[in-house]
Amino acid sequence: MRKVYCAVTLSLFAAGAFAQNVASINGKSIGNKEFMWFYKKNHLGSGAAAYAELETYLHQYINFKLKVLDAKEMGLDTDTAYLSEVKNYELALAAQKRIAKTSPAYQLLMNEYKEAALMFNVSEIRIWNKAQNDENQLRNFYEQNKNTYLPAAFEEVKGKVIADYQERLEKEWINTLRKKYTVKINQNEVKKLAKL
């Protein structure tokens, strides 16, 4: 009887814990406070949003988190240049004395910086360098999609070809990450956050 009670209590606790989260990736929660902090920061401080808008942003945020997870799996979070960059940011933030190191906002800012730097570093490896440095792949992409660029020759539209190729690489990367990691979205919590 005690085992059943413990199992039920754990299930209810897990369900309650998930209720405070908009999503999870491989069991790691994305809390509604964290999500809304980022949403407001990227939408001029406004938290008023329709459900569809929040859902769209949540998918973008999940993609961001997946890239960060990929960067960590590659060990980019242990790179000395990255660690030095994070330390310098932390020192600059402390020097401003606008926000206490113990405040939740400080933790969100530090986490945002760390993750943004990782996302930038992994994107450089997975997308930007490939698109900039592999002329053969670019030409192949151009040939496969020639109708999009007609009547222009490759050299005339190279910048557009690079941008389109980067977009394709990113879509493929995100698809791979979404297959690799378990993503769960708590639609009920997203609906609760919707204001319009």
N, C-alpha and C. Protein backbone atom coordinates (compact mmCIF):
# COMPACT_ATOMS: atom_id res chain seq x y z
N MET A 1 0.82 -1.19 0.00
CA MET A 1 0.00 0.00 0.00
C MET A 1 0.88 1.26 0.00
N ARG A 2 1.95 1.21 0.80
CA ARG A 2 2.84 2.36 0.90
C ARG A 2 3.51 2.64 -0.46
N LYS A 3 3.91 1.58 -1.18
CA LYS A 3 4.55 1.75 -2.48
C LYS A 3 3.59 2.41 -3.47
N VAL A 4 2.32 1.98 -3.44
CA VAL A 4 1.32 2.55 -4.33
C VAL A 4 1.13 4.03 -4.01
N TYR A 5 1.04 4.36 -2.71
CA TYR A 5 0.88 5.75 -2.28
C TYR A 5 2.06 6.60 -2.76
N CYS A 6 3.28 6.07 -2.60
CA CYS A 6 4.48 6.80 -3.04
C CYS A 6 4.47 7.02 -4.55
N ALA A 7 4.07 5.98 -5.30
CA ALA A 7 4.02 6.09 -6.75
C ALA A 7 2.99 7.13 -7.18
N VAL A 8 1.82 7.12 -6.52
CA VAL A 8 0.78 8.10 -6.84
C VAL A 8 1.25 9.50 -6.48
N THR A 9 1.88 9.64 -5.32
CA THR A 9 2.40 10.95 -4.88
C THR A 9 3.44 11.47 -5.86
N LEU A 10 4.36 10.59 -6.29
CA LEU A 10 5.37 11.00 -7.26
C LEU A 10 4.74 11.40 -8.58
N SER A 11 3.74 10.65 -9.03
CA SER A 11 3.05 10.98 -10.28
C SER A 11 2.37 12.34 -10.18
N LEU A 12 1.70 12.58 -9.06
CA LEU A 12 1.04 13.87 -8.87
C LEU A 12 2.05 15.00 -8.77
N PHE A 13 3.17 14.74 -8.09
CA PHE A 13 4.22 15.74 -7.98
C PHE A 13 4.79 16.06 -9.36
N ALA A 14 5.06 15.02 -10.13
CA ALA A 14 5.61 15.22 -11.48
C ALA A 14 4.62 15.99 -12.35
N ALA A 15 3.34 15.64 -12.25
CA ALA A 15 2.32 16.34 -13.03
C ALA A 15 2.23 17.79 -12.58
N GLY A 16 2.29 18.02 -11.27
CA GLY A 16 2.25 19.38 -10.73
C GLY A 16 3.47 20.18 -11.15
N ALA A 17 4.62 19.54 -11.14
CA ALA A 17 5.85 20.22 -11.54
C ALA A 17 5.79 20.58 -13.02
N PHE A 18 5.27 19.68 -13.84
CA PHE A 18 5.17 19.96 -15.28
C PHE A 18 4.16 21.07 -15.53
N ALA A 19 3.16 21.18 -14.65
CA ALA A 19 2.13 22.20 -14.82
C ALA A 19 2.73 23.61 -14.75
N GLN A 20 3.86 23.77 -14.08
CA GLN A 20 4.51 25.07 -13.98
C GLN A 20 5.47 25.32 -15.14
N ASN A 21 5.53 24.39 -16.07
CA ASN A 21 6.47 24.47 -17.18
C ASN A 21 5.72 24.52 -18.50
N VAL A 22 6.27 25.28 -19.44
CA VAL A 22 5.65 25.33 -20.76
C VAL A 22 6.11 24.18 -21.64
N ALA A 23 7.25 23.61 -21.29
CA ALA A 23 7.78 22.51 -22.10
C ALA A 23 8.91 21.82 -21.35
N SER A 24 9.35 20.70 -21.94
CA SER A 24 10.56 20.03 -21.45
C SER A 24 11.30 19.44 -22.64
N ILE A 25 12.61 19.39 -22.50
CA ILE A 25 13.48 18.77 -23.52
C ILE A 25 14.29 17.71 -22.81
N ASN A 26 14.09 16.47 -23.23
CA ASN A 26 14.76 15.33 -22.58
C ASN A 26 14.58 15.36 -21.06
N GLY A 27 13.39 15.75 -20.63
CA GLY A 27 13.06 15.77 -19.21
C GLY A 27 13.50 17.02 -18.48
N LYS A 28 14.27 17.91 -19.14
CA LYS A 28 14.70 19.16 -18.51
C LYS A 28 13.66 20.24 -18.81
N SER A 29 13.11 20.80 -17.75
CA SER A 29 11.99 21.73 -17.86
C SER A 29 12.37 23.10 -18.38
N ILE A 30 11.42 23.69 -19.10
CA ILE A 30 11.47 25.10 -19.45
C ILE A 30 10.32 25.73 -18.68
N GLY A 31 10.66 26.43 -17.62
CA GLY A 31 9.64 27.02 -16.74
C GLY A 31 8.91 28.17 -17.40
N ASN A 32 7.67 28.37 -16.97
CA ASN A 32 6.88 29.46 -17.56
C ASN A 32 7.50 30.83 -17.25
N LYS A 33 8.12 31.00 -16.08
CA LYS A 33 8.74 32.29 -15.74
C LYS A 33 9.94 32.58 -16.65
N GLU A 34 10.76 31.56 -16.86
CA GLU A 34 11.91 31.71 -17.76
C GLU A 34 11.44 32.05 -19.17
N PHE A 35 10.47 31.28 -19.65
CA PHE A 35 9.95 31.47 -21.01
C PHE A 35 9.38 32.88 -21.18
N MET A 36 8.55 33.32 -20.22
CA MET A 36 7.93 34.64 -20.34
C MET A 36 8.96 35.76 -20.19
N TRP A 37 10.00 35.54 -19.41
CA TRP A 37 11.06 36.54 -19.29
C TRP A 37 11.70 36.76 -20.66
N PHE A 38 12.01 35.66 -21.35
CA PHE A 38 12.61 35.77 -22.68
C PHE A 38 11.61 36.36 -23.68
N TYR A 39 10.36 35.93 -23.59
CA TYR A 39 9.34 36.45 -24.51
C TYR A 39 9.23 37.97 -24.37
N LYS A 40 9.09 38.44 -23.13
CA LYS A 40 8.94 39.88 -22.90
C LYS A 40 10.19 40.64 -23.36
N LYS A 41 11.34 40.06 -23.10
CA LYS A 41 12.60 40.71 -23.48
C LYS A 41 12.69 40.90 -25.00
N ASN A 42 12.13 39.96 -25.74
CA ASN A 42 12.18 40.02 -27.20
C ASN A 42 10.94 40.63 -27.82
N HIS A 43 10.02 41.11 -26.99
CA HIS A 43 8.79 41.74 -27.49
C HIS A 43 8.53 43.06 -26.76
N LEU A 44 9.58 43.85 -26.63
CA LEU A 44 9.51 45.19 -26.05
C LEU A 44 8.86 45.23 -24.67
N GLY A 45 9.11 44.18 -23.89
CA GLY A 45 8.61 44.16 -22.51
C GLY A 45 7.16 43.77 -22.36
N SER A 46 6.49 43.51 -23.45
CA SER A 46 5.07 43.17 -23.39
C SER A 46 4.87 41.68 -23.20
N GLY A 47 4.04 41.35 -22.21
CA GLY A 47 3.70 39.95 -21.97
C GLY A 47 2.33 39.61 -22.53
N ALA A 48 1.67 40.61 -23.13
CA ALA A 48 0.33 40.39 -23.69
C ALA A 48 0.47 39.77 -25.07
N ALA A 49 0.04 38.53 -25.18
CA ALA A 49 0.17 37.84 -26.46
C ALA A 49 -0.95 36.82 -26.62
N ALA A 50 -1.33 36.60 -27.84
CA ALA A 50 -2.32 35.58 -28.16
C ALA A 50 -1.66 34.21 -28.06
N TYR A 51 -2.46 33.20 -27.87
CA TYR A 51 -1.96 31.83 -27.74
C TYR A 51 -1.09 31.44 -28.94
N ALA A 52 -1.57 31.72 -30.15
CA ALA A 52 -0.83 31.32 -31.35
C ALA A 52 0.55 31.97 -31.39
N GLU A 53 0.63 33.23 -30.96
CA GLU A 53 1.92 33.93 -30.95
C GLU A 53 2.87 33.32 -29.92
N LEU A 54 2.34 32.99 -28.74
CA LEU A 54 3.17 32.36 -27.71
C LEU A 54 3.64 30.98 -28.17
N GLU A 55 2.75 30.24 -28.80
CA GLU A 55 3.11 28.91 -29.27
C GLU A 55 4.21 28.98 -30.33
N THR A 56 4.10 29.93 -31.25
CA THR A 56 5.13 30.11 -32.28
C THR A 56 6.47 30.45 -31.64
N TYR A 57 6.44 31.38 -30.68
CA TYR A 57 7.68 31.77 -30.01
C TYR A 57 8.26 30.61 -29.21
N LEU A 58 7.38 29.82 -28.60
CA LEU A 58 7.85 28.66 -27.82
C LEU A 58 8.62 27.69 -28.71
N HIS A 59 8.12 27.45 -29.92
CA HIS A 59 8.84 26.55 -30.84
C HIS A 59 10.21 27.13 -31.21
N GLN A 60 10.27 28.44 -31.40
CA GLN A 60 11.57 29.08 -31.68
C GLN A 60 12.50 28.94 -30.47
N TYR A 61 11.94 29.12 -29.29
CA TYR A 61 12.73 29.02 -28.07
C TYR A 61 13.23 27.59 -27.86
N ILE A 62 12.38 26.62 -28.15
CA ILE A 62 12.77 25.21 -28.05
C ILE A 62 13.91 24.92 -29.04
N ASN A 63 13.81 25.45 -30.25
CA ASN A 63 14.88 25.26 -31.23
C ASN A 63 16.20 25.85 -30.71
N PHE A 64 16.11 27.01 -30.09
CA PHE A 64 17.28 27.64 -29.48
C PHE A 64 17.87 26.71 -28.41
N LYS A 65 17.02 26.19 -27.53
CA LYS A 65 17.47 25.30 -26.45
C LYS A 65 18.07 24.01 -27.01
N LEU A 66 17.52 23.50 -28.10
CA LEU A 66 18.06 22.29 -28.72
C LEU A 66 19.47 22.54 -29.25
N LYS A 67 19.68 23.70 -29.84
CA LYS A 67 21.02 24.05 -30.33
C LYS A 67 22.01 24.15 -29.18
N VAL A 68 21.56 24.73 -28.08
CA VAL A 68 22.42 24.84 -26.90
C VAL A 68 22.77 23.46 -26.37
N LEU A 69 21.80 22.56 -26.34
CA LEU A 69 22.04 21.19 -25.90
C LEU A 69 23.04 20.50 -26.82
N ASP A 70 22.93 20.73 -28.11
CA ASP A 70 23.87 20.16 -29.08
C ASP A 70 25.28 20.71 -28.82
N ALA A 71 25.37 22.00 -28.54
CA ALA A 71 26.67 22.62 -28.25
C ALA A 71 27.30 21.99 -27.01
N LYS A 72 26.49 21.75 -26.00
CA LYS A 72 27.00 21.13 -24.77
C LYS A 72 27.47 19.71 -25.03
N GLU A 73 26.72 18.98 -25.85
CA GLU A 73 27.14 17.61 -26.19
C GLU A 73 28.45 17.59 -26.97
N MET A 74 28.71 18.67 -27.71
CA MET A 74 29.97 18.78 -28.45
C MET A 74 31.11 19.24 -27.53
N GLY A 75 30.78 19.59 -26.29
CA GLY A 75 31.79 20.04 -25.34
C GLY A 75 32.16 21.50 -25.47
N LEU A 76 31.37 22.27 -26.21
CA LEU A 76 31.69 23.68 -26.41
C LEU A 76 31.58 24.49 -25.12
N ASP A 77 30.83 23.97 -24.14
CA ASP A 77 30.70 24.69 -22.87
C ASP A 77 31.92 24.53 -21.98
N THR A 78 32.88 23.71 -22.38
CA THR A 78 34.12 23.55 -21.61
C THR A 78 35.31 24.19 -22.33
N ASP A 79 35.07 24.78 -23.48
CA ASP A 79 36.11 25.45 -24.25
C ASP A 79 36.64 26.65 -23.46
N THR A 80 37.95 26.80 -23.39
CA THR A 80 38.55 27.86 -22.57
C THR A 80 38.17 29.26 -23.07
N ALA A 81 38.07 29.45 -24.38
CA ALA A 81 37.69 30.77 -24.91
C ALA A 81 36.26 31.11 -24.48
N TYR A 82 35.37 30.12 -24.53
CA TYR A 82 33.98 30.31 -24.10
C TYR A 82 33.93 30.65 -22.61
N LEU A 83 34.64 29.88 -21.79
CA LEU A 83 34.63 30.12 -20.34
C LEU A 83 35.18 31.50 -20.00
N SER A 84 36.20 31.93 -20.72
CA SER A 84 36.78 33.25 -20.52
C SER A 84 35.78 34.35 -20.90
N GLU A 85 35.09 34.14 -22.01
CA GLU A 85 34.08 35.10 -22.47
C GLU A 85 32.95 35.24 -21.44
N VAL A 86 32.49 34.13 -20.89
CA VAL A 86 31.44 34.14 -19.87
C VAL A 86 31.93 34.86 -18.62
N LYS A 87 33.14 34.59 -18.21
CA LYS A 87 33.72 35.23 -17.02
C LYS A 87 33.80 36.75 -17.21
N ASN A 88 34.24 37.17 -18.39
CA ASN A 88 34.33 38.61 -18.69
C ASN A 88 32.96 39.27 -18.64
N TYR A 89 31.95 38.58 -19.16
CA TYR A 89 30.59 39.12 -19.11
C TYR A 89 30.11 39.25 -17.67
N GLU A 90 30.39 38.23 -16.88
CA GLU A 90 29.99 38.24 -15.48
C GLU A 90 30.65 39.40 -14.73
N LEU A 91 31.93 39.65 -15.01
CA LEU A 91 32.64 40.76 -14.38
C LEU A 91 32.05 42.10 -14.82
N ALA A 92 31.71 42.22 -16.10
CA ALA A 92 31.12 43.46 -16.60
C ALA A 92 29.74 43.69 -15.98
N LEU A 93 28.98 42.63 -15.83
CA LEU A 93 27.65 42.73 -15.22
C LEU A 93 27.76 43.15 -13.76
N ALA A 94 28.72 42.57 -13.06
CA ALA A 94 28.93 42.91 -11.64
C ALA A 94 29.39 44.36 -11.48
N ALA A 95 30.19 44.83 -12.43
CA ALA A 95 30.71 46.20 -12.37
C ALA A 95 29.60 47.23 -12.54
N GLN A 96 28.54 46.87 -13.23
CA GLN A 96 27.42 47.80 -13.43
C GLN A 96 26.63 48.04 -12.14
N LYS A 97 26.64 47.09 -11.27
CA LYS A 97 25.97 47.16 -9.97
C LYS A 97 24.49 47.52 -10.08
N ARG A 98 23.88 47.16 -11.18
CA ARG A 98 22.45 47.42 -11.35
C ARG A 98 21.58 46.28 -10.84
N ILE A 99 22.19 45.12 -10.75
CA ILE A 99 21.41 43.94 -10.41
C ILE A 99 22.20 43.08 -9.43
N ALA A 100 21.55 42.65 -8.37
CA ALA A 100 22.22 41.84 -7.34
C ALA A 100 22.51 40.45 -7.87
N LYS A 101 23.67 39.93 -7.52
CA LYS A 101 24.09 38.62 -7.97
C LYS A 101 23.14 37.52 -7.49
N THR A 102 22.43 37.76 -6.42
CA THR A 102 21.53 36.76 -5.85
C THR A 102 20.11 36.84 -6.41
N SER A 103 19.82 37.84 -7.23
CA SER A 103 18.46 38.00 -7.75
C SER A 103 18.17 37.02 -8.89
N PRO A 104 16.92 36.62 -9.03
CA PRO A 104 16.55 35.73 -10.14
C PRO A 104 16.86 36.34 -11.51
N ALA A 105 16.71 37.65 -11.63
CA ALA A 105 17.00 38.32 -12.91
C ALA A 105 18.47 38.17 -13.29
N TYR A 106 19.36 38.21 -12.30
CA TYR A 106 20.79 38.04 -12.56
C TYR A 106 21.05 36.65 -13.14
N GLN A 107 20.43 35.65 -12.52
CA GLN A 107 20.60 34.28 -12.99
C GLN A 107 20.06 34.13 -14.42
N LEU A 108 18.92 34.75 -14.71
CA LEU A 108 18.35 34.69 -16.06
C LEU A 108 19.28 35.38 -17.07
N LEU A 109 19.84 36.52 -16.69
CA LEU A 109 20.76 37.22 -17.59
C LEU A 109 22.02 36.40 -17.87
N MET A 110 22.59 35.83 -16.81
CA MET A 110 23.79 35.01 -16.99
C MET A 110 23.50 33.79 -17.84
N ASN A 111 22.38 33.14 -17.57
CA ASN A 111 22.01 31.96 -18.34
C ASN A 111 21.77 32.33 -19.81
N GLU A 112 21.11 33.46 -20.02
CA GLU A 112 20.85 33.93 -21.39
C GLU A 112 22.18 34.13 -22.13
N TYR A 113 23.12 34.79 -21.48
CA TYR A 113 24.40 35.06 -22.12
C TYR A 113 25.14 33.76 -22.44
N LYS A 114 25.21 32.87 -21.45
CA LYS A 114 25.90 31.59 -21.64
C LYS A 114 25.31 30.81 -22.81
N GLU A 115 23.98 30.72 -22.82
CA GLU A 115 23.31 29.94 -23.86
C GLU A 115 23.42 30.61 -25.23
N ALA A 116 23.31 31.93 -25.26
CA ALA A 116 23.43 32.65 -26.53
C ALA A 116 24.83 32.46 -27.13
N ALA A 117 25.85 32.51 -26.28
CA ALA A 117 27.22 32.32 -26.76
C ALA A 117 27.41 30.89 -27.30
N LEU A 118 26.84 29.91 -26.58
CA LEU A 118 26.92 28.53 -27.06
C LEU A 118 26.18 28.35 -28.38
N MET A 119 24.98 28.96 -28.48
CA MET A 119 24.20 28.84 -29.70
C MET A 119 24.96 29.48 -30.88
N PHE A 120 25.58 30.60 -30.63
CA PHE A 120 26.38 31.26 -31.67
C PHE A 120 27.53 30.36 -32.11
N ASN A 121 28.25 29.81 -31.13
CA ASN A 121 29.41 28.97 -31.44
C ASN A 121 29.04 27.72 -32.22
N VAL A 122 27.96 27.06 -31.80
CA VAL A 122 27.56 25.83 -32.49
C VAL A 122 26.98 26.15 -33.87
N SER A 123 26.29 27.27 -34.00
CA SER A 123 25.74 27.67 -35.31
C SER A 123 26.87 27.98 -36.28
N GLU A 124 27.93 28.56 -35.77
CA GLU A 124 29.09 28.85 -36.61
C GLU A 124 29.66 27.55 -37.19
N ILE A 125 29.73 26.51 -36.36
CA ILE A 125 30.27 25.23 -36.80
C ILE A 125 29.30 24.50 -37.73
N ARG A 126 28.04 24.42 -37.32
CA ARG A 126 27.06 23.61 -38.04
C ARG A 126 26.50 24.27 -39.30
N ILE A 127 26.49 25.61 -39.33
CA ILE A 127 25.83 26.28 -40.45
C ILE A 127 26.75 27.26 -41.17
N TRP A 128 27.16 28.31 -40.48
CA TRP A 128 27.83 29.42 -41.16
C TRP A 128 29.14 29.02 -41.83
N ASN A 129 29.99 28.29 -41.14
CA ASN A 129 31.26 27.88 -41.75
C ASN A 129 31.04 26.98 -42.96
N LYS A 130 30.07 26.06 -42.84
CA LYS A 130 29.78 25.16 -43.96
C LYS A 130 29.32 25.93 -45.18
N ALA A 131 28.45 26.89 -44.96
CA ALA A 131 27.91 27.65 -46.09
C ALA A 131 28.94 28.59 -46.70
N GLN A 132 29.83 29.12 -45.88
CA GLN A 132 30.84 30.07 -46.37
C GLN A 132 32.03 29.38 -47.03
N ASN A 133 32.40 28.21 -46.52
CA ASN A 133 33.68 27.61 -46.90
C ASN A 133 33.61 26.45 -47.88
N ASP A 134 32.43 25.95 -48.19
CA ASP A 134 32.34 24.80 -49.08
C ASP A 134 31.73 25.20 -50.42
N GLU A 135 32.58 25.66 -51.29
CA GLU A 135 32.17 26.15 -52.61
C GLU A 135 31.47 25.06 -53.42
N ASN A 136 31.94 23.82 -53.30
CA ASN A 136 31.31 22.73 -54.05
C ASN A 136 29.87 22.50 -53.61
N GLN A 137 29.64 22.50 -52.31
CA GLN A 137 28.27 22.31 -51.80
C GLN A 137 27.37 23.47 -52.22
N LEU A 138 27.92 24.67 -52.20
CA LEU A 138 27.14 25.84 -52.64
C LEU A 138 26.75 25.73 -54.10
N ARG A 139 27.70 25.33 -54.92
CA ARG A 139 27.41 25.18 -56.36
C ARG A 139 26.39 24.06 -56.59
N ASN A 140 26.52 22.97 -55.84
CA ASN A 140 25.53 21.88 -55.94
C ASN A 140 24.14 22.38 -55.55
N PHE A 141 24.08 23.14 -54.46
CA PHE A 141 22.81 23.69 -54.00
C PHE A 141 22.22 24.61 -55.07
N TYR A 142 23.07 25.44 -55.66
CA TYR A 142 22.65 26.35 -56.72
C TYR A 142 22.09 25.55 -57.91
N GLU A 143 22.80 24.51 -58.31
CA GLU A 143 22.36 23.70 -59.46
C GLU A 143 21.02 23.00 -59.16
N GLN A 144 20.85 22.49 -57.94
CA GLN A 144 19.60 21.81 -57.56
C GLN A 144 18.41 22.77 -57.52
N ASN A 145 18.70 24.05 -57.28
CA ASN A 145 17.64 25.05 -57.13
C ASN A 145 17.76 26.16 -58.17
N LYS A 146 18.31 25.83 -59.32
CA LYS A 146 18.63 26.81 -60.35
C LYS A 146 17.41 27.65 -60.77
N ASN A 147 16.24 27.02 -60.82
CA ASN A 147 15.04 27.75 -61.23
C ASN A 147 14.74 28.94 -60.31
N THR A 148 15.13 28.84 -59.07
CA THR A 148 14.92 29.92 -58.11
C THR A 148 15.76 31.15 -58.46
N TYR A 149 16.91 30.91 -59.08
CA TYR A 149 17.88 31.99 -59.30
C TYR A 149 17.96 32.45 -60.76
N LEU A 150 17.23 31.81 -61.66
CA LEU A 150 17.29 32.19 -63.07
C LEU A 150 16.83 33.62 -63.27
N PRO A 151 17.39 34.33 -64.18
CA PRO A 151 18.42 33.96 -65.16
C PRO A 151 19.84 34.23 -64.67
N ALA A 152 20.01 34.51 -63.39
CA ALA A 152 21.32 34.91 -62.89
C ALA A 152 22.29 33.74 -62.80
N ALA A 153 23.55 34.02 -63.04
CA ALA A 153 24.62 33.04 -62.89
C ALA A 153 24.98 32.94 -61.40
N PHE A 154 25.65 31.86 -61.03
CA PHE A 154 26.01 31.59 -59.64
C PHE A 154 26.72 32.78 -58.99
N GLU A 155 27.72 33.33 -59.67
CA GLU A 155 28.51 34.42 -59.10
C GLU A 155 27.66 35.66 -58.82
N GLU A 156 26.63 35.88 -59.64
CA GLU A 156 25.76 37.05 -59.46
C GLU A 156 24.87 36.93 -58.23
N VAL A 157 24.52 35.70 -57.86
CA VAL A 157 23.57 35.50 -56.76
C VAL A 157 24.19 34.71 -55.60
N LYS A 158 25.49 34.70 -55.55
CA LYS A 158 26.17 33.88 -54.54
C LYS A 158 25.71 34.22 -53.11
N GLY A 159 25.55 35.49 -52.81
CA GLY A 159 25.10 35.89 -51.48
C GLY A 159 23.74 35.30 -51.14
N LYS A 160 22.82 35.33 -52.09
CA LYS A 160 21.47 34.76 -51.90
C LYS A 160 21.56 33.24 -51.77
N VAL A 161 22.42 32.62 -52.55
CA VAL A 161 22.61 31.16 -52.48
C VAL A 161 23.14 30.78 -51.10
N ILE A 162 24.10 31.54 -50.59
CA ILE A 162 24.65 31.26 -49.25
C ILE A 162 23.55 31.36 -48.20
N ALA A 163 22.75 32.42 -48.26
CA ALA A 163 21.66 32.61 -47.29
C ALA A 163 20.65 31.46 -47.36
N ASP A 164 20.27 31.07 -48.57
CA ASP A 164 19.30 29.98 -48.74
C ASP A 164 19.88 28.65 -48.27
N TYR A 165 21.16 28.43 -48.56
CA TYR A 165 21.81 27.19 -48.14
C TYR A 165 21.91 27.13 -46.62
N GLN A 166 22.23 28.26 -45.99
CA GLN A 166 22.27 28.32 -44.53
C GLN A 166 20.90 27.98 -43.94
N GLU A 167 19.86 28.52 -44.56
CA GLU A 167 18.51 28.24 -44.09
C GLU A 167 18.19 26.74 -44.19
N ARG A 168 18.59 26.12 -45.29
CA ARG A 168 18.36 24.69 -45.44
C ARG A 168 19.15 23.88 -44.42
N LEU A 169 20.41 24.25 -44.20
CA LEU A 169 21.23 23.56 -43.21
C LEU A 169 20.61 23.66 -41.82
N GLU A 170 20.09 24.85 -41.50
CA GLU A 170 19.48 25.03 -40.19
C GLU A 170 18.22 24.18 -40.04
N LYS A 171 17.38 24.13 -41.06
CA LYS A 171 16.16 23.30 -41.00
C LYS A 171 16.51 21.83 -40.81
N GLU A 172 17.51 21.36 -41.55
CA GLU A 172 17.95 19.96 -41.42
C GLU A 172 18.49 19.69 -40.02
N TRP A 173 19.25 20.62 -39.50
CA TRP A 173 19.83 20.49 -38.16
C TRP A 173 18.73 20.43 -37.11
N ILE A 174 17.77 21.33 -37.19
CA ILE A 174 16.66 21.35 -36.23
C ILE A 174 15.86 20.06 -36.31
N ASN A 175 15.59 19.59 -37.53
CA ASN A 175 14.86 18.32 -37.69
C ASN A 175 15.62 17.17 -37.03
N THR A 176 16.92 17.14 -37.20
CA THR A 176 17.75 16.10 -36.59
C THR A 176 17.68 16.19 -35.06
N LEU A 177 17.78 17.41 -34.52
CA LEU A 177 17.74 17.60 -33.07
C LEU A 177 16.37 17.22 -32.50
N ARG A 178 15.30 17.54 -33.21
CA ARG A 178 13.95 17.21 -32.73
C ARG A 178 13.69 15.70 -32.76
N LYS A 179 14.38 15.01 -33.64
CA LYS A 179 14.27 13.54 -33.65
C LYS A 179 15.14 12.93 -32.55
N LYS A 180 16.25 13.56 -32.27
CA LYS A 180 17.20 13.03 -31.29
C LYS A 180 16.72 13.20 -29.85
N TYR A 181 16.09 14.35 -29.56
CA TYR A 181 15.68 14.67 -28.19
C TYR A 181 14.16 14.66 -28.05
N THR A 182 13.70 14.27 -26.87
CA THR A 182 12.26 14.25 -26.60
C THR A 182 11.81 15.64 -26.19
N VAL A 183 10.89 16.19 -26.95
CA VAL A 183 10.33 17.52 -26.65
C VAL A 183 8.87 17.34 -26.29
N LYS A 184 8.49 17.89 -25.15
CA LYS A 184 7.08 17.87 -24.72
C LYS A 184 6.65 19.31 -24.48
N ILE A 185 5.48 19.65 -24.98
CA ILE A 185 4.92 20.99 -24.79
C ILE A 185 3.68 20.87 -23.93
N ASN A 186 3.60 21.74 -22.93
CA ASN A 186 2.44 21.78 -22.04
C ASN A 186 1.48 22.84 -22.58
N GLN A 187 0.57 22.42 -23.47
CA GLN A 187 -0.36 23.34 -24.12
C GLN A 187 -1.21 24.10 -23.10
N ASN A 188 -1.62 23.41 -22.02
CA ASN A 188 -2.46 24.06 -21.01
C ASN A 188 -1.75 25.24 -20.36
N GLU A 189 -0.46 25.08 -20.08
CA GLU A 189 0.30 26.17 -19.46
C GLU A 189 0.49 27.32 -20.44
N VAL A 190 0.71 27.02 -21.71
CA VAL A 190 0.84 28.07 -22.71
C VAL A 190 -0.47 28.84 -22.82
N LYS A 191 -1.59 28.11 -22.79
CA LYS A 191 -2.90 28.77 -22.85
C LYS A 191 -3.13 29.68 -21.65
N LYS A 192 -2.65 29.25 -20.47
CA LYS A 192 -2.79 30.08 -19.27
C LYS A 192 -2.00 31.39 -19.41
N LEU A 193 -0.87 31.32 -20.10
CA LEU A 193 -0.01 32.51 -20.25
C LEU A 193 -0.54 33.49 -21.30
N ALA A 194 -1.39 32.97 -22.20
CA ALA A 194 -1.94 33.82 -23.27
C ALA A 194 -2.85 34.88 -22.66
N LYS A 195 -2.68 36.12 -23.11
CA LYS A 195 -3.45 37.24 -22.56
C LYS A 195 -4.55 37.72 -23.51
N LEU A 196 -4.45 37.37 -24.77
CA LEU A 196 -5.42 37.89 -25.76
C LEU A 196 -6.31 36.78 -26.27
